[in-house]
Amino acid sequence: MKILFMGTPDFALFSLKALFKTEHEIIGVVTQPDKPKGRGYTLTPPPVKVFALENGIPVYQPATLRGEEFEELLRSLDPDIIVVVAYGKLLPKNVLDYPKYGCVNVHGSLLPEYRGAAPMQRAIIDGKPFTGVTTMYMAEGLDTGDMLLKDTVTIEENDNFEDIHDKLGECGGKLIVKTLEGLANGSIVAEPQDHSLATHTSKITKEDCVINWSCDARSIHNLIRGLSPIPLSFTHMPDGKLLKIVAAEVANEDGEHGKAGEVICTESGICVACGKGVLRILKVLPEGKPRMAASDFVRGRRISTGDVLR
């Protein structure tokens, strides 16, 4: 097949690399424009662009997919299929309708659960024991198209967003290769989604990252790992300074052990009483400081037993 690949971040790169190793022809990569990053606001290309240029694949970075310019590009490339992985924009109807084999998306959840922008993070935050990847035909709605193939990934006790991102990325790369094989030989039967079972995930906001210590230790642990290594959940020290939490573990799931948010022990990490149970903080990002082990934060006398995080 002649594939036009549309994707932008590292998650999309897993699928692009997997397809690059097959006998399919990747005739072009469409990705988002370069964006300024870092303190110097250096213009930085998307990961997908970097790989494409290194491997001689033509790269296109249109400001919009609507209008004659992109339509002409589509006709000139004439793809058999468009594979879309975390591209960042909805595709207009004329693009969706163009390829012989349609537009196929790799989505990081077991649809119809967790449609939308943050399926991986939300699955961890919700304490799910597993998640997965779905390939599907794209439709005009958000993640509403007919499903093609699925595969499941286990969420381990201390997996964070980075762990699940990479597991699902690898899974998605394998699944899109299988999907294209099935579409080519006619072995895949598309399955409509049961829209009554759909759940939706919005983008992670600053408000989502605030730790509420009156919740139980397990829920707080899930929040922390679902937002690590980025954007990170956070709390405030008694002096009002921001304290972001990079890693933690559940020290005790049951009972009340002090006021919610109270530091009750600093001998093996920073143990904090929750509404139910105790959370042990293992790694932090203090305001104005680099990431550090909780033990180093304690040795610097920045936190003590009896302090209350808010």
Protein backbone atom coordinates (compact mmCIF):
# COMPACT_ATOMS: atom_id res chain seq x y z
CA MET A 1 0.00 0.00 0.00
CA LYS A 2 0.96 3.62 -0.51
CA ILE A 3 0.69 5.17 2.96
CA LEU A 4 0.35 8.83 3.85
CA PHE A 5 1.26 9.01 7.53
CA MET A 6 -0.14 11.79 9.72
CA GLY A 7 1.25 12.18 13.24
CA THR A 8 3.28 14.46 15.45
CA PRO A 9 4.62 13.36 18.90
CA ASP A 10 6.68 10.43 20.18
CA PHE A 11 3.59 8.22 20.45
CA ALA A 12 3.12 8.49 16.67
CA LEU A 13 6.77 7.63 16.10
CA PHE A 14 6.26 4.05 17.30
CA SER A 15 3.76 3.41 14.50
CA LEU A 16 5.79 5.23 11.84
CA LYS A 17 8.89 3.17 12.65
CA ALA A 18 6.88 -0.06 12.59
CA LEU A 19 5.39 0.77 9.18
CA PHE A 20 8.79 1.85 7.84
CA LYS A 21 10.09 -1.69 8.43
CA THR A 22 7.35 -3.23 6.26
CA GLU A 23 7.11 -3.50 2.49
CA HIS A 24 4.50 -0.73 2.38
CA GLU A 25 5.56 2.54 0.77
CA ILE A 26 5.37 5.61 3.00
CA ILE A 27 4.88 8.33 0.40
CA GLY A 28 4.86 11.21 2.86
CA VAL A 29 4.50 12.37 6.43
CA VAL A 30 2.11 15.14 7.43
CA THR A 31 2.89 16.66 10.81
CA GLN A 32 2.33 19.82 12.85
CA PRO A 33 4.53 22.89 12.25
CA ASP A 34 7.75 23.23 14.27
CA LYS A 35 7.18 24.87 17.66
CA PRO A 36 9.39 26.90 20.00
CA LYS A 37 10.57 24.95 23.06
CA GLY A 38 12.77 25.42 26.09
CA ARG A 39 14.01 28.55 27.77
CA GLY A 40 15.44 29.89 24.54
CA TYR A 41 12.22 29.15 22.63
CA THR A 42 14.24 27.29 20.01
CA LEU A 43 12.14 26.24 17.04
CA THR A 44 11.93 22.44 17.41
CA PRO A 45 10.64 19.94 14.83
CA PRO A 46 8.19 17.20 15.87
CA PRO A 47 9.76 13.76 16.49
CA VAL A 48 7.93 12.34 13.47
CA LYS A 49 9.50 14.95 11.20
CA VAL A 50 13.01 14.22 12.47
CA PHE A 51 12.66 10.49 11.73
CA ALA A 52 11.10 11.11 8.31
CA LEU A 53 13.87 13.44 7.17
CA GLU A 54 16.56 11.06 8.46
CA ASN A 55 15.03 8.31 6.34
CA GLY A 56 14.27 10.20 3.15
CA ILE A 57 10.51 10.46 3.61
CA PRO A 58 8.95 13.70 2.29
CA VAL A 59 7.54 15.90 5.07
CA TYR A 60 4.59 18.28 4.83
CA GLN A 61 3.57 20.73 7.57
CA PRO A 62 0.40 22.47 6.38
CA ALA A 63 -1.13 25.15 8.56
CA THR A 64 -4.55 23.74 7.68
CA LEU A 65 -5.99 20.64 6.03
CA ARG A 66 -8.91 22.62 4.67
CA GLY A 67 -8.78 24.32 1.31
CA GLU A 68 -7.38 23.69 -2.15
CA GLU A 69 -3.70 23.58 -1.24
CA PHE A 70 -3.89 20.40 0.84
CA GLU A 71 -6.48 18.89 -1.51
CA GLU A 72 -4.03 19.32 -4.40
CA LEU A 73 -1.28 17.72 -2.32
CA LEU A 74 -3.55 14.77 -1.56
CA ARG A 75 -4.33 14.26 -5.25
CA SER A 76 -0.66 14.46 -6.19
CA LEU A 77 0.37 11.89 -3.58
CA ASP A 78 -2.69 9.70 -4.20
CA PRO A 79 -2.37 7.48 -1.09
CA ASP A 80 -4.10 4.10 -0.83
CA ILE A 81 -4.56 4.69 2.89
CA ILE A 82 -3.96 7.44 5.43
CA VAL A 83 -2.67 6.33 8.82
CA VAL A 84 -3.26 8.86 11.60
CA VAL A 85 -1.60 8.67 15.03
CA ALA A 86 -1.86 11.64 17.40
CA TYR A 87 -1.74 14.15 14.56
CA GLY A 88 -3.38 16.90 16.59
CA LYS A 89 -6.19 18.05 14.31
CA LEU A 90 -9.48 16.62 13.08
CA LEU A 91 -9.52 15.61 9.43
CA PRO A 92 -12.13 17.24 7.16
CA LYS A 93 -14.58 15.06 5.24
CA ASN A 94 -12.84 15.42 1.88
CA VAL A 95 -9.65 13.99 3.39
CA LEU A 96 -11.49 11.20 5.23
CA ASP A 97 -13.23 10.15 2.02
CA TYR A 98 -10.20 10.22 -0.28
CA PRO A 99 -8.15 7.01 0.19
CA LYS A 100 -9.25 3.64 -1.22
CA TYR A 101 -8.74 1.94 2.16
CA GLY A 102 -9.90 4.93 4.20
CA CYS A 103 -8.24 6.79 7.06
CA VAL A 104 -7.16 4.54 9.92
CA ASN A 105 -6.37 5.83 13.40
CA VAL A 106 -4.31 4.29 16.21
CA HIS A 107 -5.98 5.27 19.50
CA GLY A 108 -4.52 4.68 22.97
CA SER A 109 -7.53 3.07 24.65
CA LEU A 110 -9.97 0.19 24.32
CA LEU A 111 -12.75 2.05 22.57
CA PRO A 112 -15.44 3.15 23.13
CA GLU A 113 -13.90 3.79 26.57
CA TYR A 114 -11.70 6.87 26.86
CA ARG A 115 -12.35 8.74 23.66
CA GLY A 116 -10.61 12.09 23.44
CA ALA A 117 -7.36 13.79 24.32
CA ALA A 118 -5.89 12.02 27.36
CA PRO A 119 -6.89 8.33 27.34
CA MET A 120 -3.60 7.01 28.75
CA GLN A 121 -3.43 9.41 31.68
CA ARG A 122 -7.09 8.97 32.57
CA ALA A 123 -6.89 5.18 32.61
CA ILE A 124 -4.05 5.34 35.16
CA ILE A 125 -5.73 8.05 37.23
CA ASP A 126 -8.92 5.97 37.33
CA GLY A 127 -6.96 3.00 38.67
CA LYS A 128 -7.69 0.71 35.72
CA PRO A 129 -5.84 -2.64 35.81
CA PHE A 130 -5.43 -2.63 32.03
CA THR A 131 -5.88 -0.49 28.96
CA GLY A 132 -4.98 -0.99 25.31
CA VAL A 133 -4.93 0.19 21.72
CA THR A 134 -7.69 0.29 19.13
CA THR A 135 -7.26 0.77 15.41
CA MET A 136 -10.34 2.22 13.75
CA TYR A 137 -11.69 3.88 10.67
CA MET A 138 -11.84 7.62 11.19
CA ALA A 139 -15.18 9.41 11.04
CA GLU A 140 -16.18 13.05 11.41
CA GLY A 141 -16.87 12.64 15.15
CA LEU A 142 -14.14 12.44 17.79
CA ASP A 143 -12.98 8.80 18.00
CA THR A 144 -16.40 7.54 16.88
CA GLY A 145 -15.40 5.42 13.87
CA ASP A 146 -15.83 1.68 13.39
CA MET A 147 -13.22 -0.41 15.20
CA LEU A 148 -10.80 -2.71 13.37
CA LEU A 149 -8.41 -4.41 15.82
CA LYS A 150 -7.69 -4.19 19.56
CA ASP A 151 -4.91 -5.30 21.88
CA THR A 152 -4.67 -5.08 25.66
CA VAL A 153 -1.84 -3.81 27.89
CA THR A 154 -1.61 -4.40 31.64
CA ILE A 155 -1.16 -1.38 33.91
CA GLU A 156 1.21 -2.50 36.66
CA GLU A 157 1.05 -1.24 40.27
CA ASN A 158 3.62 1.52 39.82
CA ASP A 159 3.43 2.20 36.07
CA ASN A 160 3.33 5.91 35.36
CA PHE A 161 2.24 7.81 32.26
CA GLU A 162 5.63 7.39 30.60
CA ASP A 163 5.57 3.62 31.13
CA ILE A 164 2.08 3.22 29.69
CA HIS A 165 2.80 5.67 26.85
CA ASP A 166 5.72 3.51 25.72
CA LYS A 167 3.87 0.20 26.22
CA LEU A 168 0.91 1.45 24.19
CA GLY A 169 3.21 2.98 21.59
CA GLU A 170 4.91 -0.37 21.00
CA CYS A 171 1.53 -2.11 21.00
CA GLY A 172 0.12 0.42 18.52
CA GLY A 173 3.03 -0.05 16.14
CA LYS A 174 2.46 -3.80 15.99
CA LEU A 175 -1.31 -3.40 15.73
CA ILE A 176 -1.26 -0.96 12.80
CA VAL A 177 0.94 -3.36 10.82
CA LYS A 178 -1.55 -6.19 11.50
CA THR A 179 -4.42 -3.86 10.61
CA LEU A 180 -2.99 -2.97 7.21
CA GLU A 181 -2.37 -6.65 6.48
CA GLY A 182 -5.98 -7.46 7.38
CA LEU A 183 -7.39 -4.64 5.28
CA ALA A 184 -5.31 -5.67 2.29
CA ASN A 185 -6.40 -9.33 2.41
CA GLY A 186 -9.99 -8.59 3.47
CA SER A 187 -9.81 -10.53 6.74
CA ILE A 188 -10.90 -7.67 9.02
CA VAL A 189 -14.57 -6.96 9.65
CA ALA A 190 -15.12 -3.47 11.04
CA GLU A 191 -17.16 -3.31 14.25
CA PRO A 192 -19.36 -0.28 15.05
CA GLN A 193 -18.84 1.23 18.49
CA ASP A 194 -21.57 1.05 21.10
CA HIS A 195 -21.90 4.79 21.66
CA SER A 196 -23.93 4.23 24.83
CA LEU A 197 -20.77 2.84 26.47
CA ALA A 198 -18.54 5.72 25.41
CA THR A 199 -16.53 7.70 27.95
CA HIS A 200 -14.72 10.92 27.11
CA THR A 201 -11.39 12.33 28.28
CA SER A 202 -10.58 16.01 28.10
CA LYS A 203 -7.10 17.52 28.06
CA ILE A 204 -5.29 17.57 31.40
CA THR A 205 -5.64 20.97 33.06
CA LYS A 206 -3.83 22.59 35.98
CA GLU A 207 -6.88 21.94 38.15
CA ASP A 208 -6.59 18.20 37.41
CA CYS A 209 -3.07 18.20 38.87
CA VAL A 210 -3.96 19.45 42.37
CA ILE A 211 -3.62 16.78 45.08
CA ASN A 212 -6.56 16.56 47.45
CA TRP A 213 -5.13 14.89 50.57
CA SER A 214 -8.60 14.10 51.90
CA CYS A 215 -8.88 11.42 49.19
CA ASP A 216 -7.66 7.90 49.87
CA ALA A 217 -3.99 6.99 49.41
CA ARG A 218 -4.67 4.71 46.44
CA SER A 219 -6.51 7.42 44.49
CA ILE A 220 -3.76 9.96 45.16
CA HIS A 221 -1.11 7.45 44.09
CA ASN A 222 -2.99 6.87 40.83
CA LEU A 223 -3.18 10.62 40.21
CA ILE A 224 0.54 11.07 40.81
CA ARG A 225 1.62 8.29 38.47
CA GLY A 226 -0.94 9.23 35.83
CA LEU A 227 0.63 12.70 35.62
CA SER A 228 4.30 11.68 35.85
CA PRO A 229 6.76 12.59 34.40
CA ILE A 230 4.69 15.40 32.91
CA PRO A 231 2.84 17.64 33.80
CA LEU A 232 3.14 16.36 37.43
CA SER A 233 0.62 16.58 40.24
CA PHE A 234 1.33 19.12 42.95
CA THR A 235 0.64 20.28 46.47
CA HIS A 236 1.82 23.25 48.56
CA MET A 237 4.22 23.42 51.47
CA PRO A 238 3.19 25.16 54.72
CA ASP A 239 5.04 28.28 53.48
CA GLY A 240 2.97 28.25 50.29
CA LYS A 241 5.75 27.07 47.99
CA LEU A 242 4.82 24.64 45.23
CA LEU A 243 5.87 21.01 45.59
CA LYS A 244 5.39 18.73 42.59
CA ILE A 245 5.33 14.98 43.18
CA VAL A 246 7.26 12.82 40.72
CA ALA A 247 6.88 9.39 42.32
CA ALA A 248 5.17 7.83 45.32
CA GLU A 249 3.80 4.54 46.62
CA VAL A 250 0.99 3.43 48.89
CA ALA A 251 2.41 2.79 52.36
CA ASN A 252 -0.94 1.91 53.96
CA GLU A 253 -4.37 1.64 52.36
CA ASP A 254 -6.52 1.64 55.48
CA GLY A 255 -7.47 3.81 58.43
CA GLU A 256 -6.81 7.37 59.54
CA HIS A 257 -3.26 8.20 60.55
CA GLY A 258 -3.41 11.93 61.12
CA LYS A 259 -4.80 15.07 59.59
CA ALA A 260 -5.16 14.85 55.81
CA GLY A 261 -1.93 16.16 54.31
CA GLU A 262 0.07 15.82 57.53
CA VAL A 263 3.65 14.55 57.26
CA ILE A 264 3.77 11.69 59.78
CA CYS A 265 7.19 10.21 59.01
CA THR A 266 10.33 11.20 57.05
CA GLU A 267 12.56 8.18 57.70
CA SER A 268 11.89 6.26 54.47
CA GLY A 269 10.52 8.86 52.11
CA ILE A 270 7.93 11.42 53.09
CA CYS A 271 4.90 9.64 54.55
CA VAL A 272 1.73 11.71 54.35
CA ALA A 273 -1.61 10.95 55.99
CA CYS A 274 -4.50 10.84 53.54
CA GLY A 275 -8.24 10.77 54.08
CA LYS A 276 -7.77 7.02 54.16
CA GLY A 277 -4.35 5.38 54.38
CA VAL A 278 -0.82 6.72 54.01
CA LEU A 279 1.13 7.74 50.92
CA ARG A 280 4.93 7.56 50.81
CA ILE A 281 6.45 10.22 48.55
CA LEU A 282 9.65 9.00 46.87
CA LYS A 283 10.68 11.77 44.48
CA VAL A 284 9.79 15.47 44.28
CA LEU A 285 10.27 18.61 42.23
CA PRO A 286 10.42 21.55 44.67
CA GLU A 287 9.73 25.06 43.47
CA GLY A 288 12.89 26.54 41.96
CA LYS A 289 14.85 23.29 42.38
CA PRO A 290 15.67 20.23 40.27
CA ARG A 291 14.00 16.87 40.71
CA MET A 292 15.33 15.03 43.74
CA ALA A 293 14.77 12.02 45.96
CA ALA A 294 12.43 12.67 48.87
CA SER A 295 15.27 11.66 51.22
CA ASP A 296 17.43 14.50 49.86
CA PHE A 297 14.55 16.92 50.31
CA VAL A 298 14.26 15.82 53.94
CA ARG A 299 18.03 16.11 54.51
CA GLY A 300 17.89 19.67 53.24
CA ARG A 301 15.48 20.34 56.12
CA ARG A 302 12.84 21.59 53.74
CA ILE A 303 10.14 19.41 55.32
CA SER A 304 9.58 17.90 58.76
CA THR A 305 7.20 15.62 60.64
CA GLY A 306 4.11 17.57 61.59
CA ASP A 307 4.13 19.79 58.50
CA VAL A 308 0.81 19.85 56.65
CA LEU A 309 0.73 19.85 52.85
CA ARG A 310 -2.17 21.71 51.34
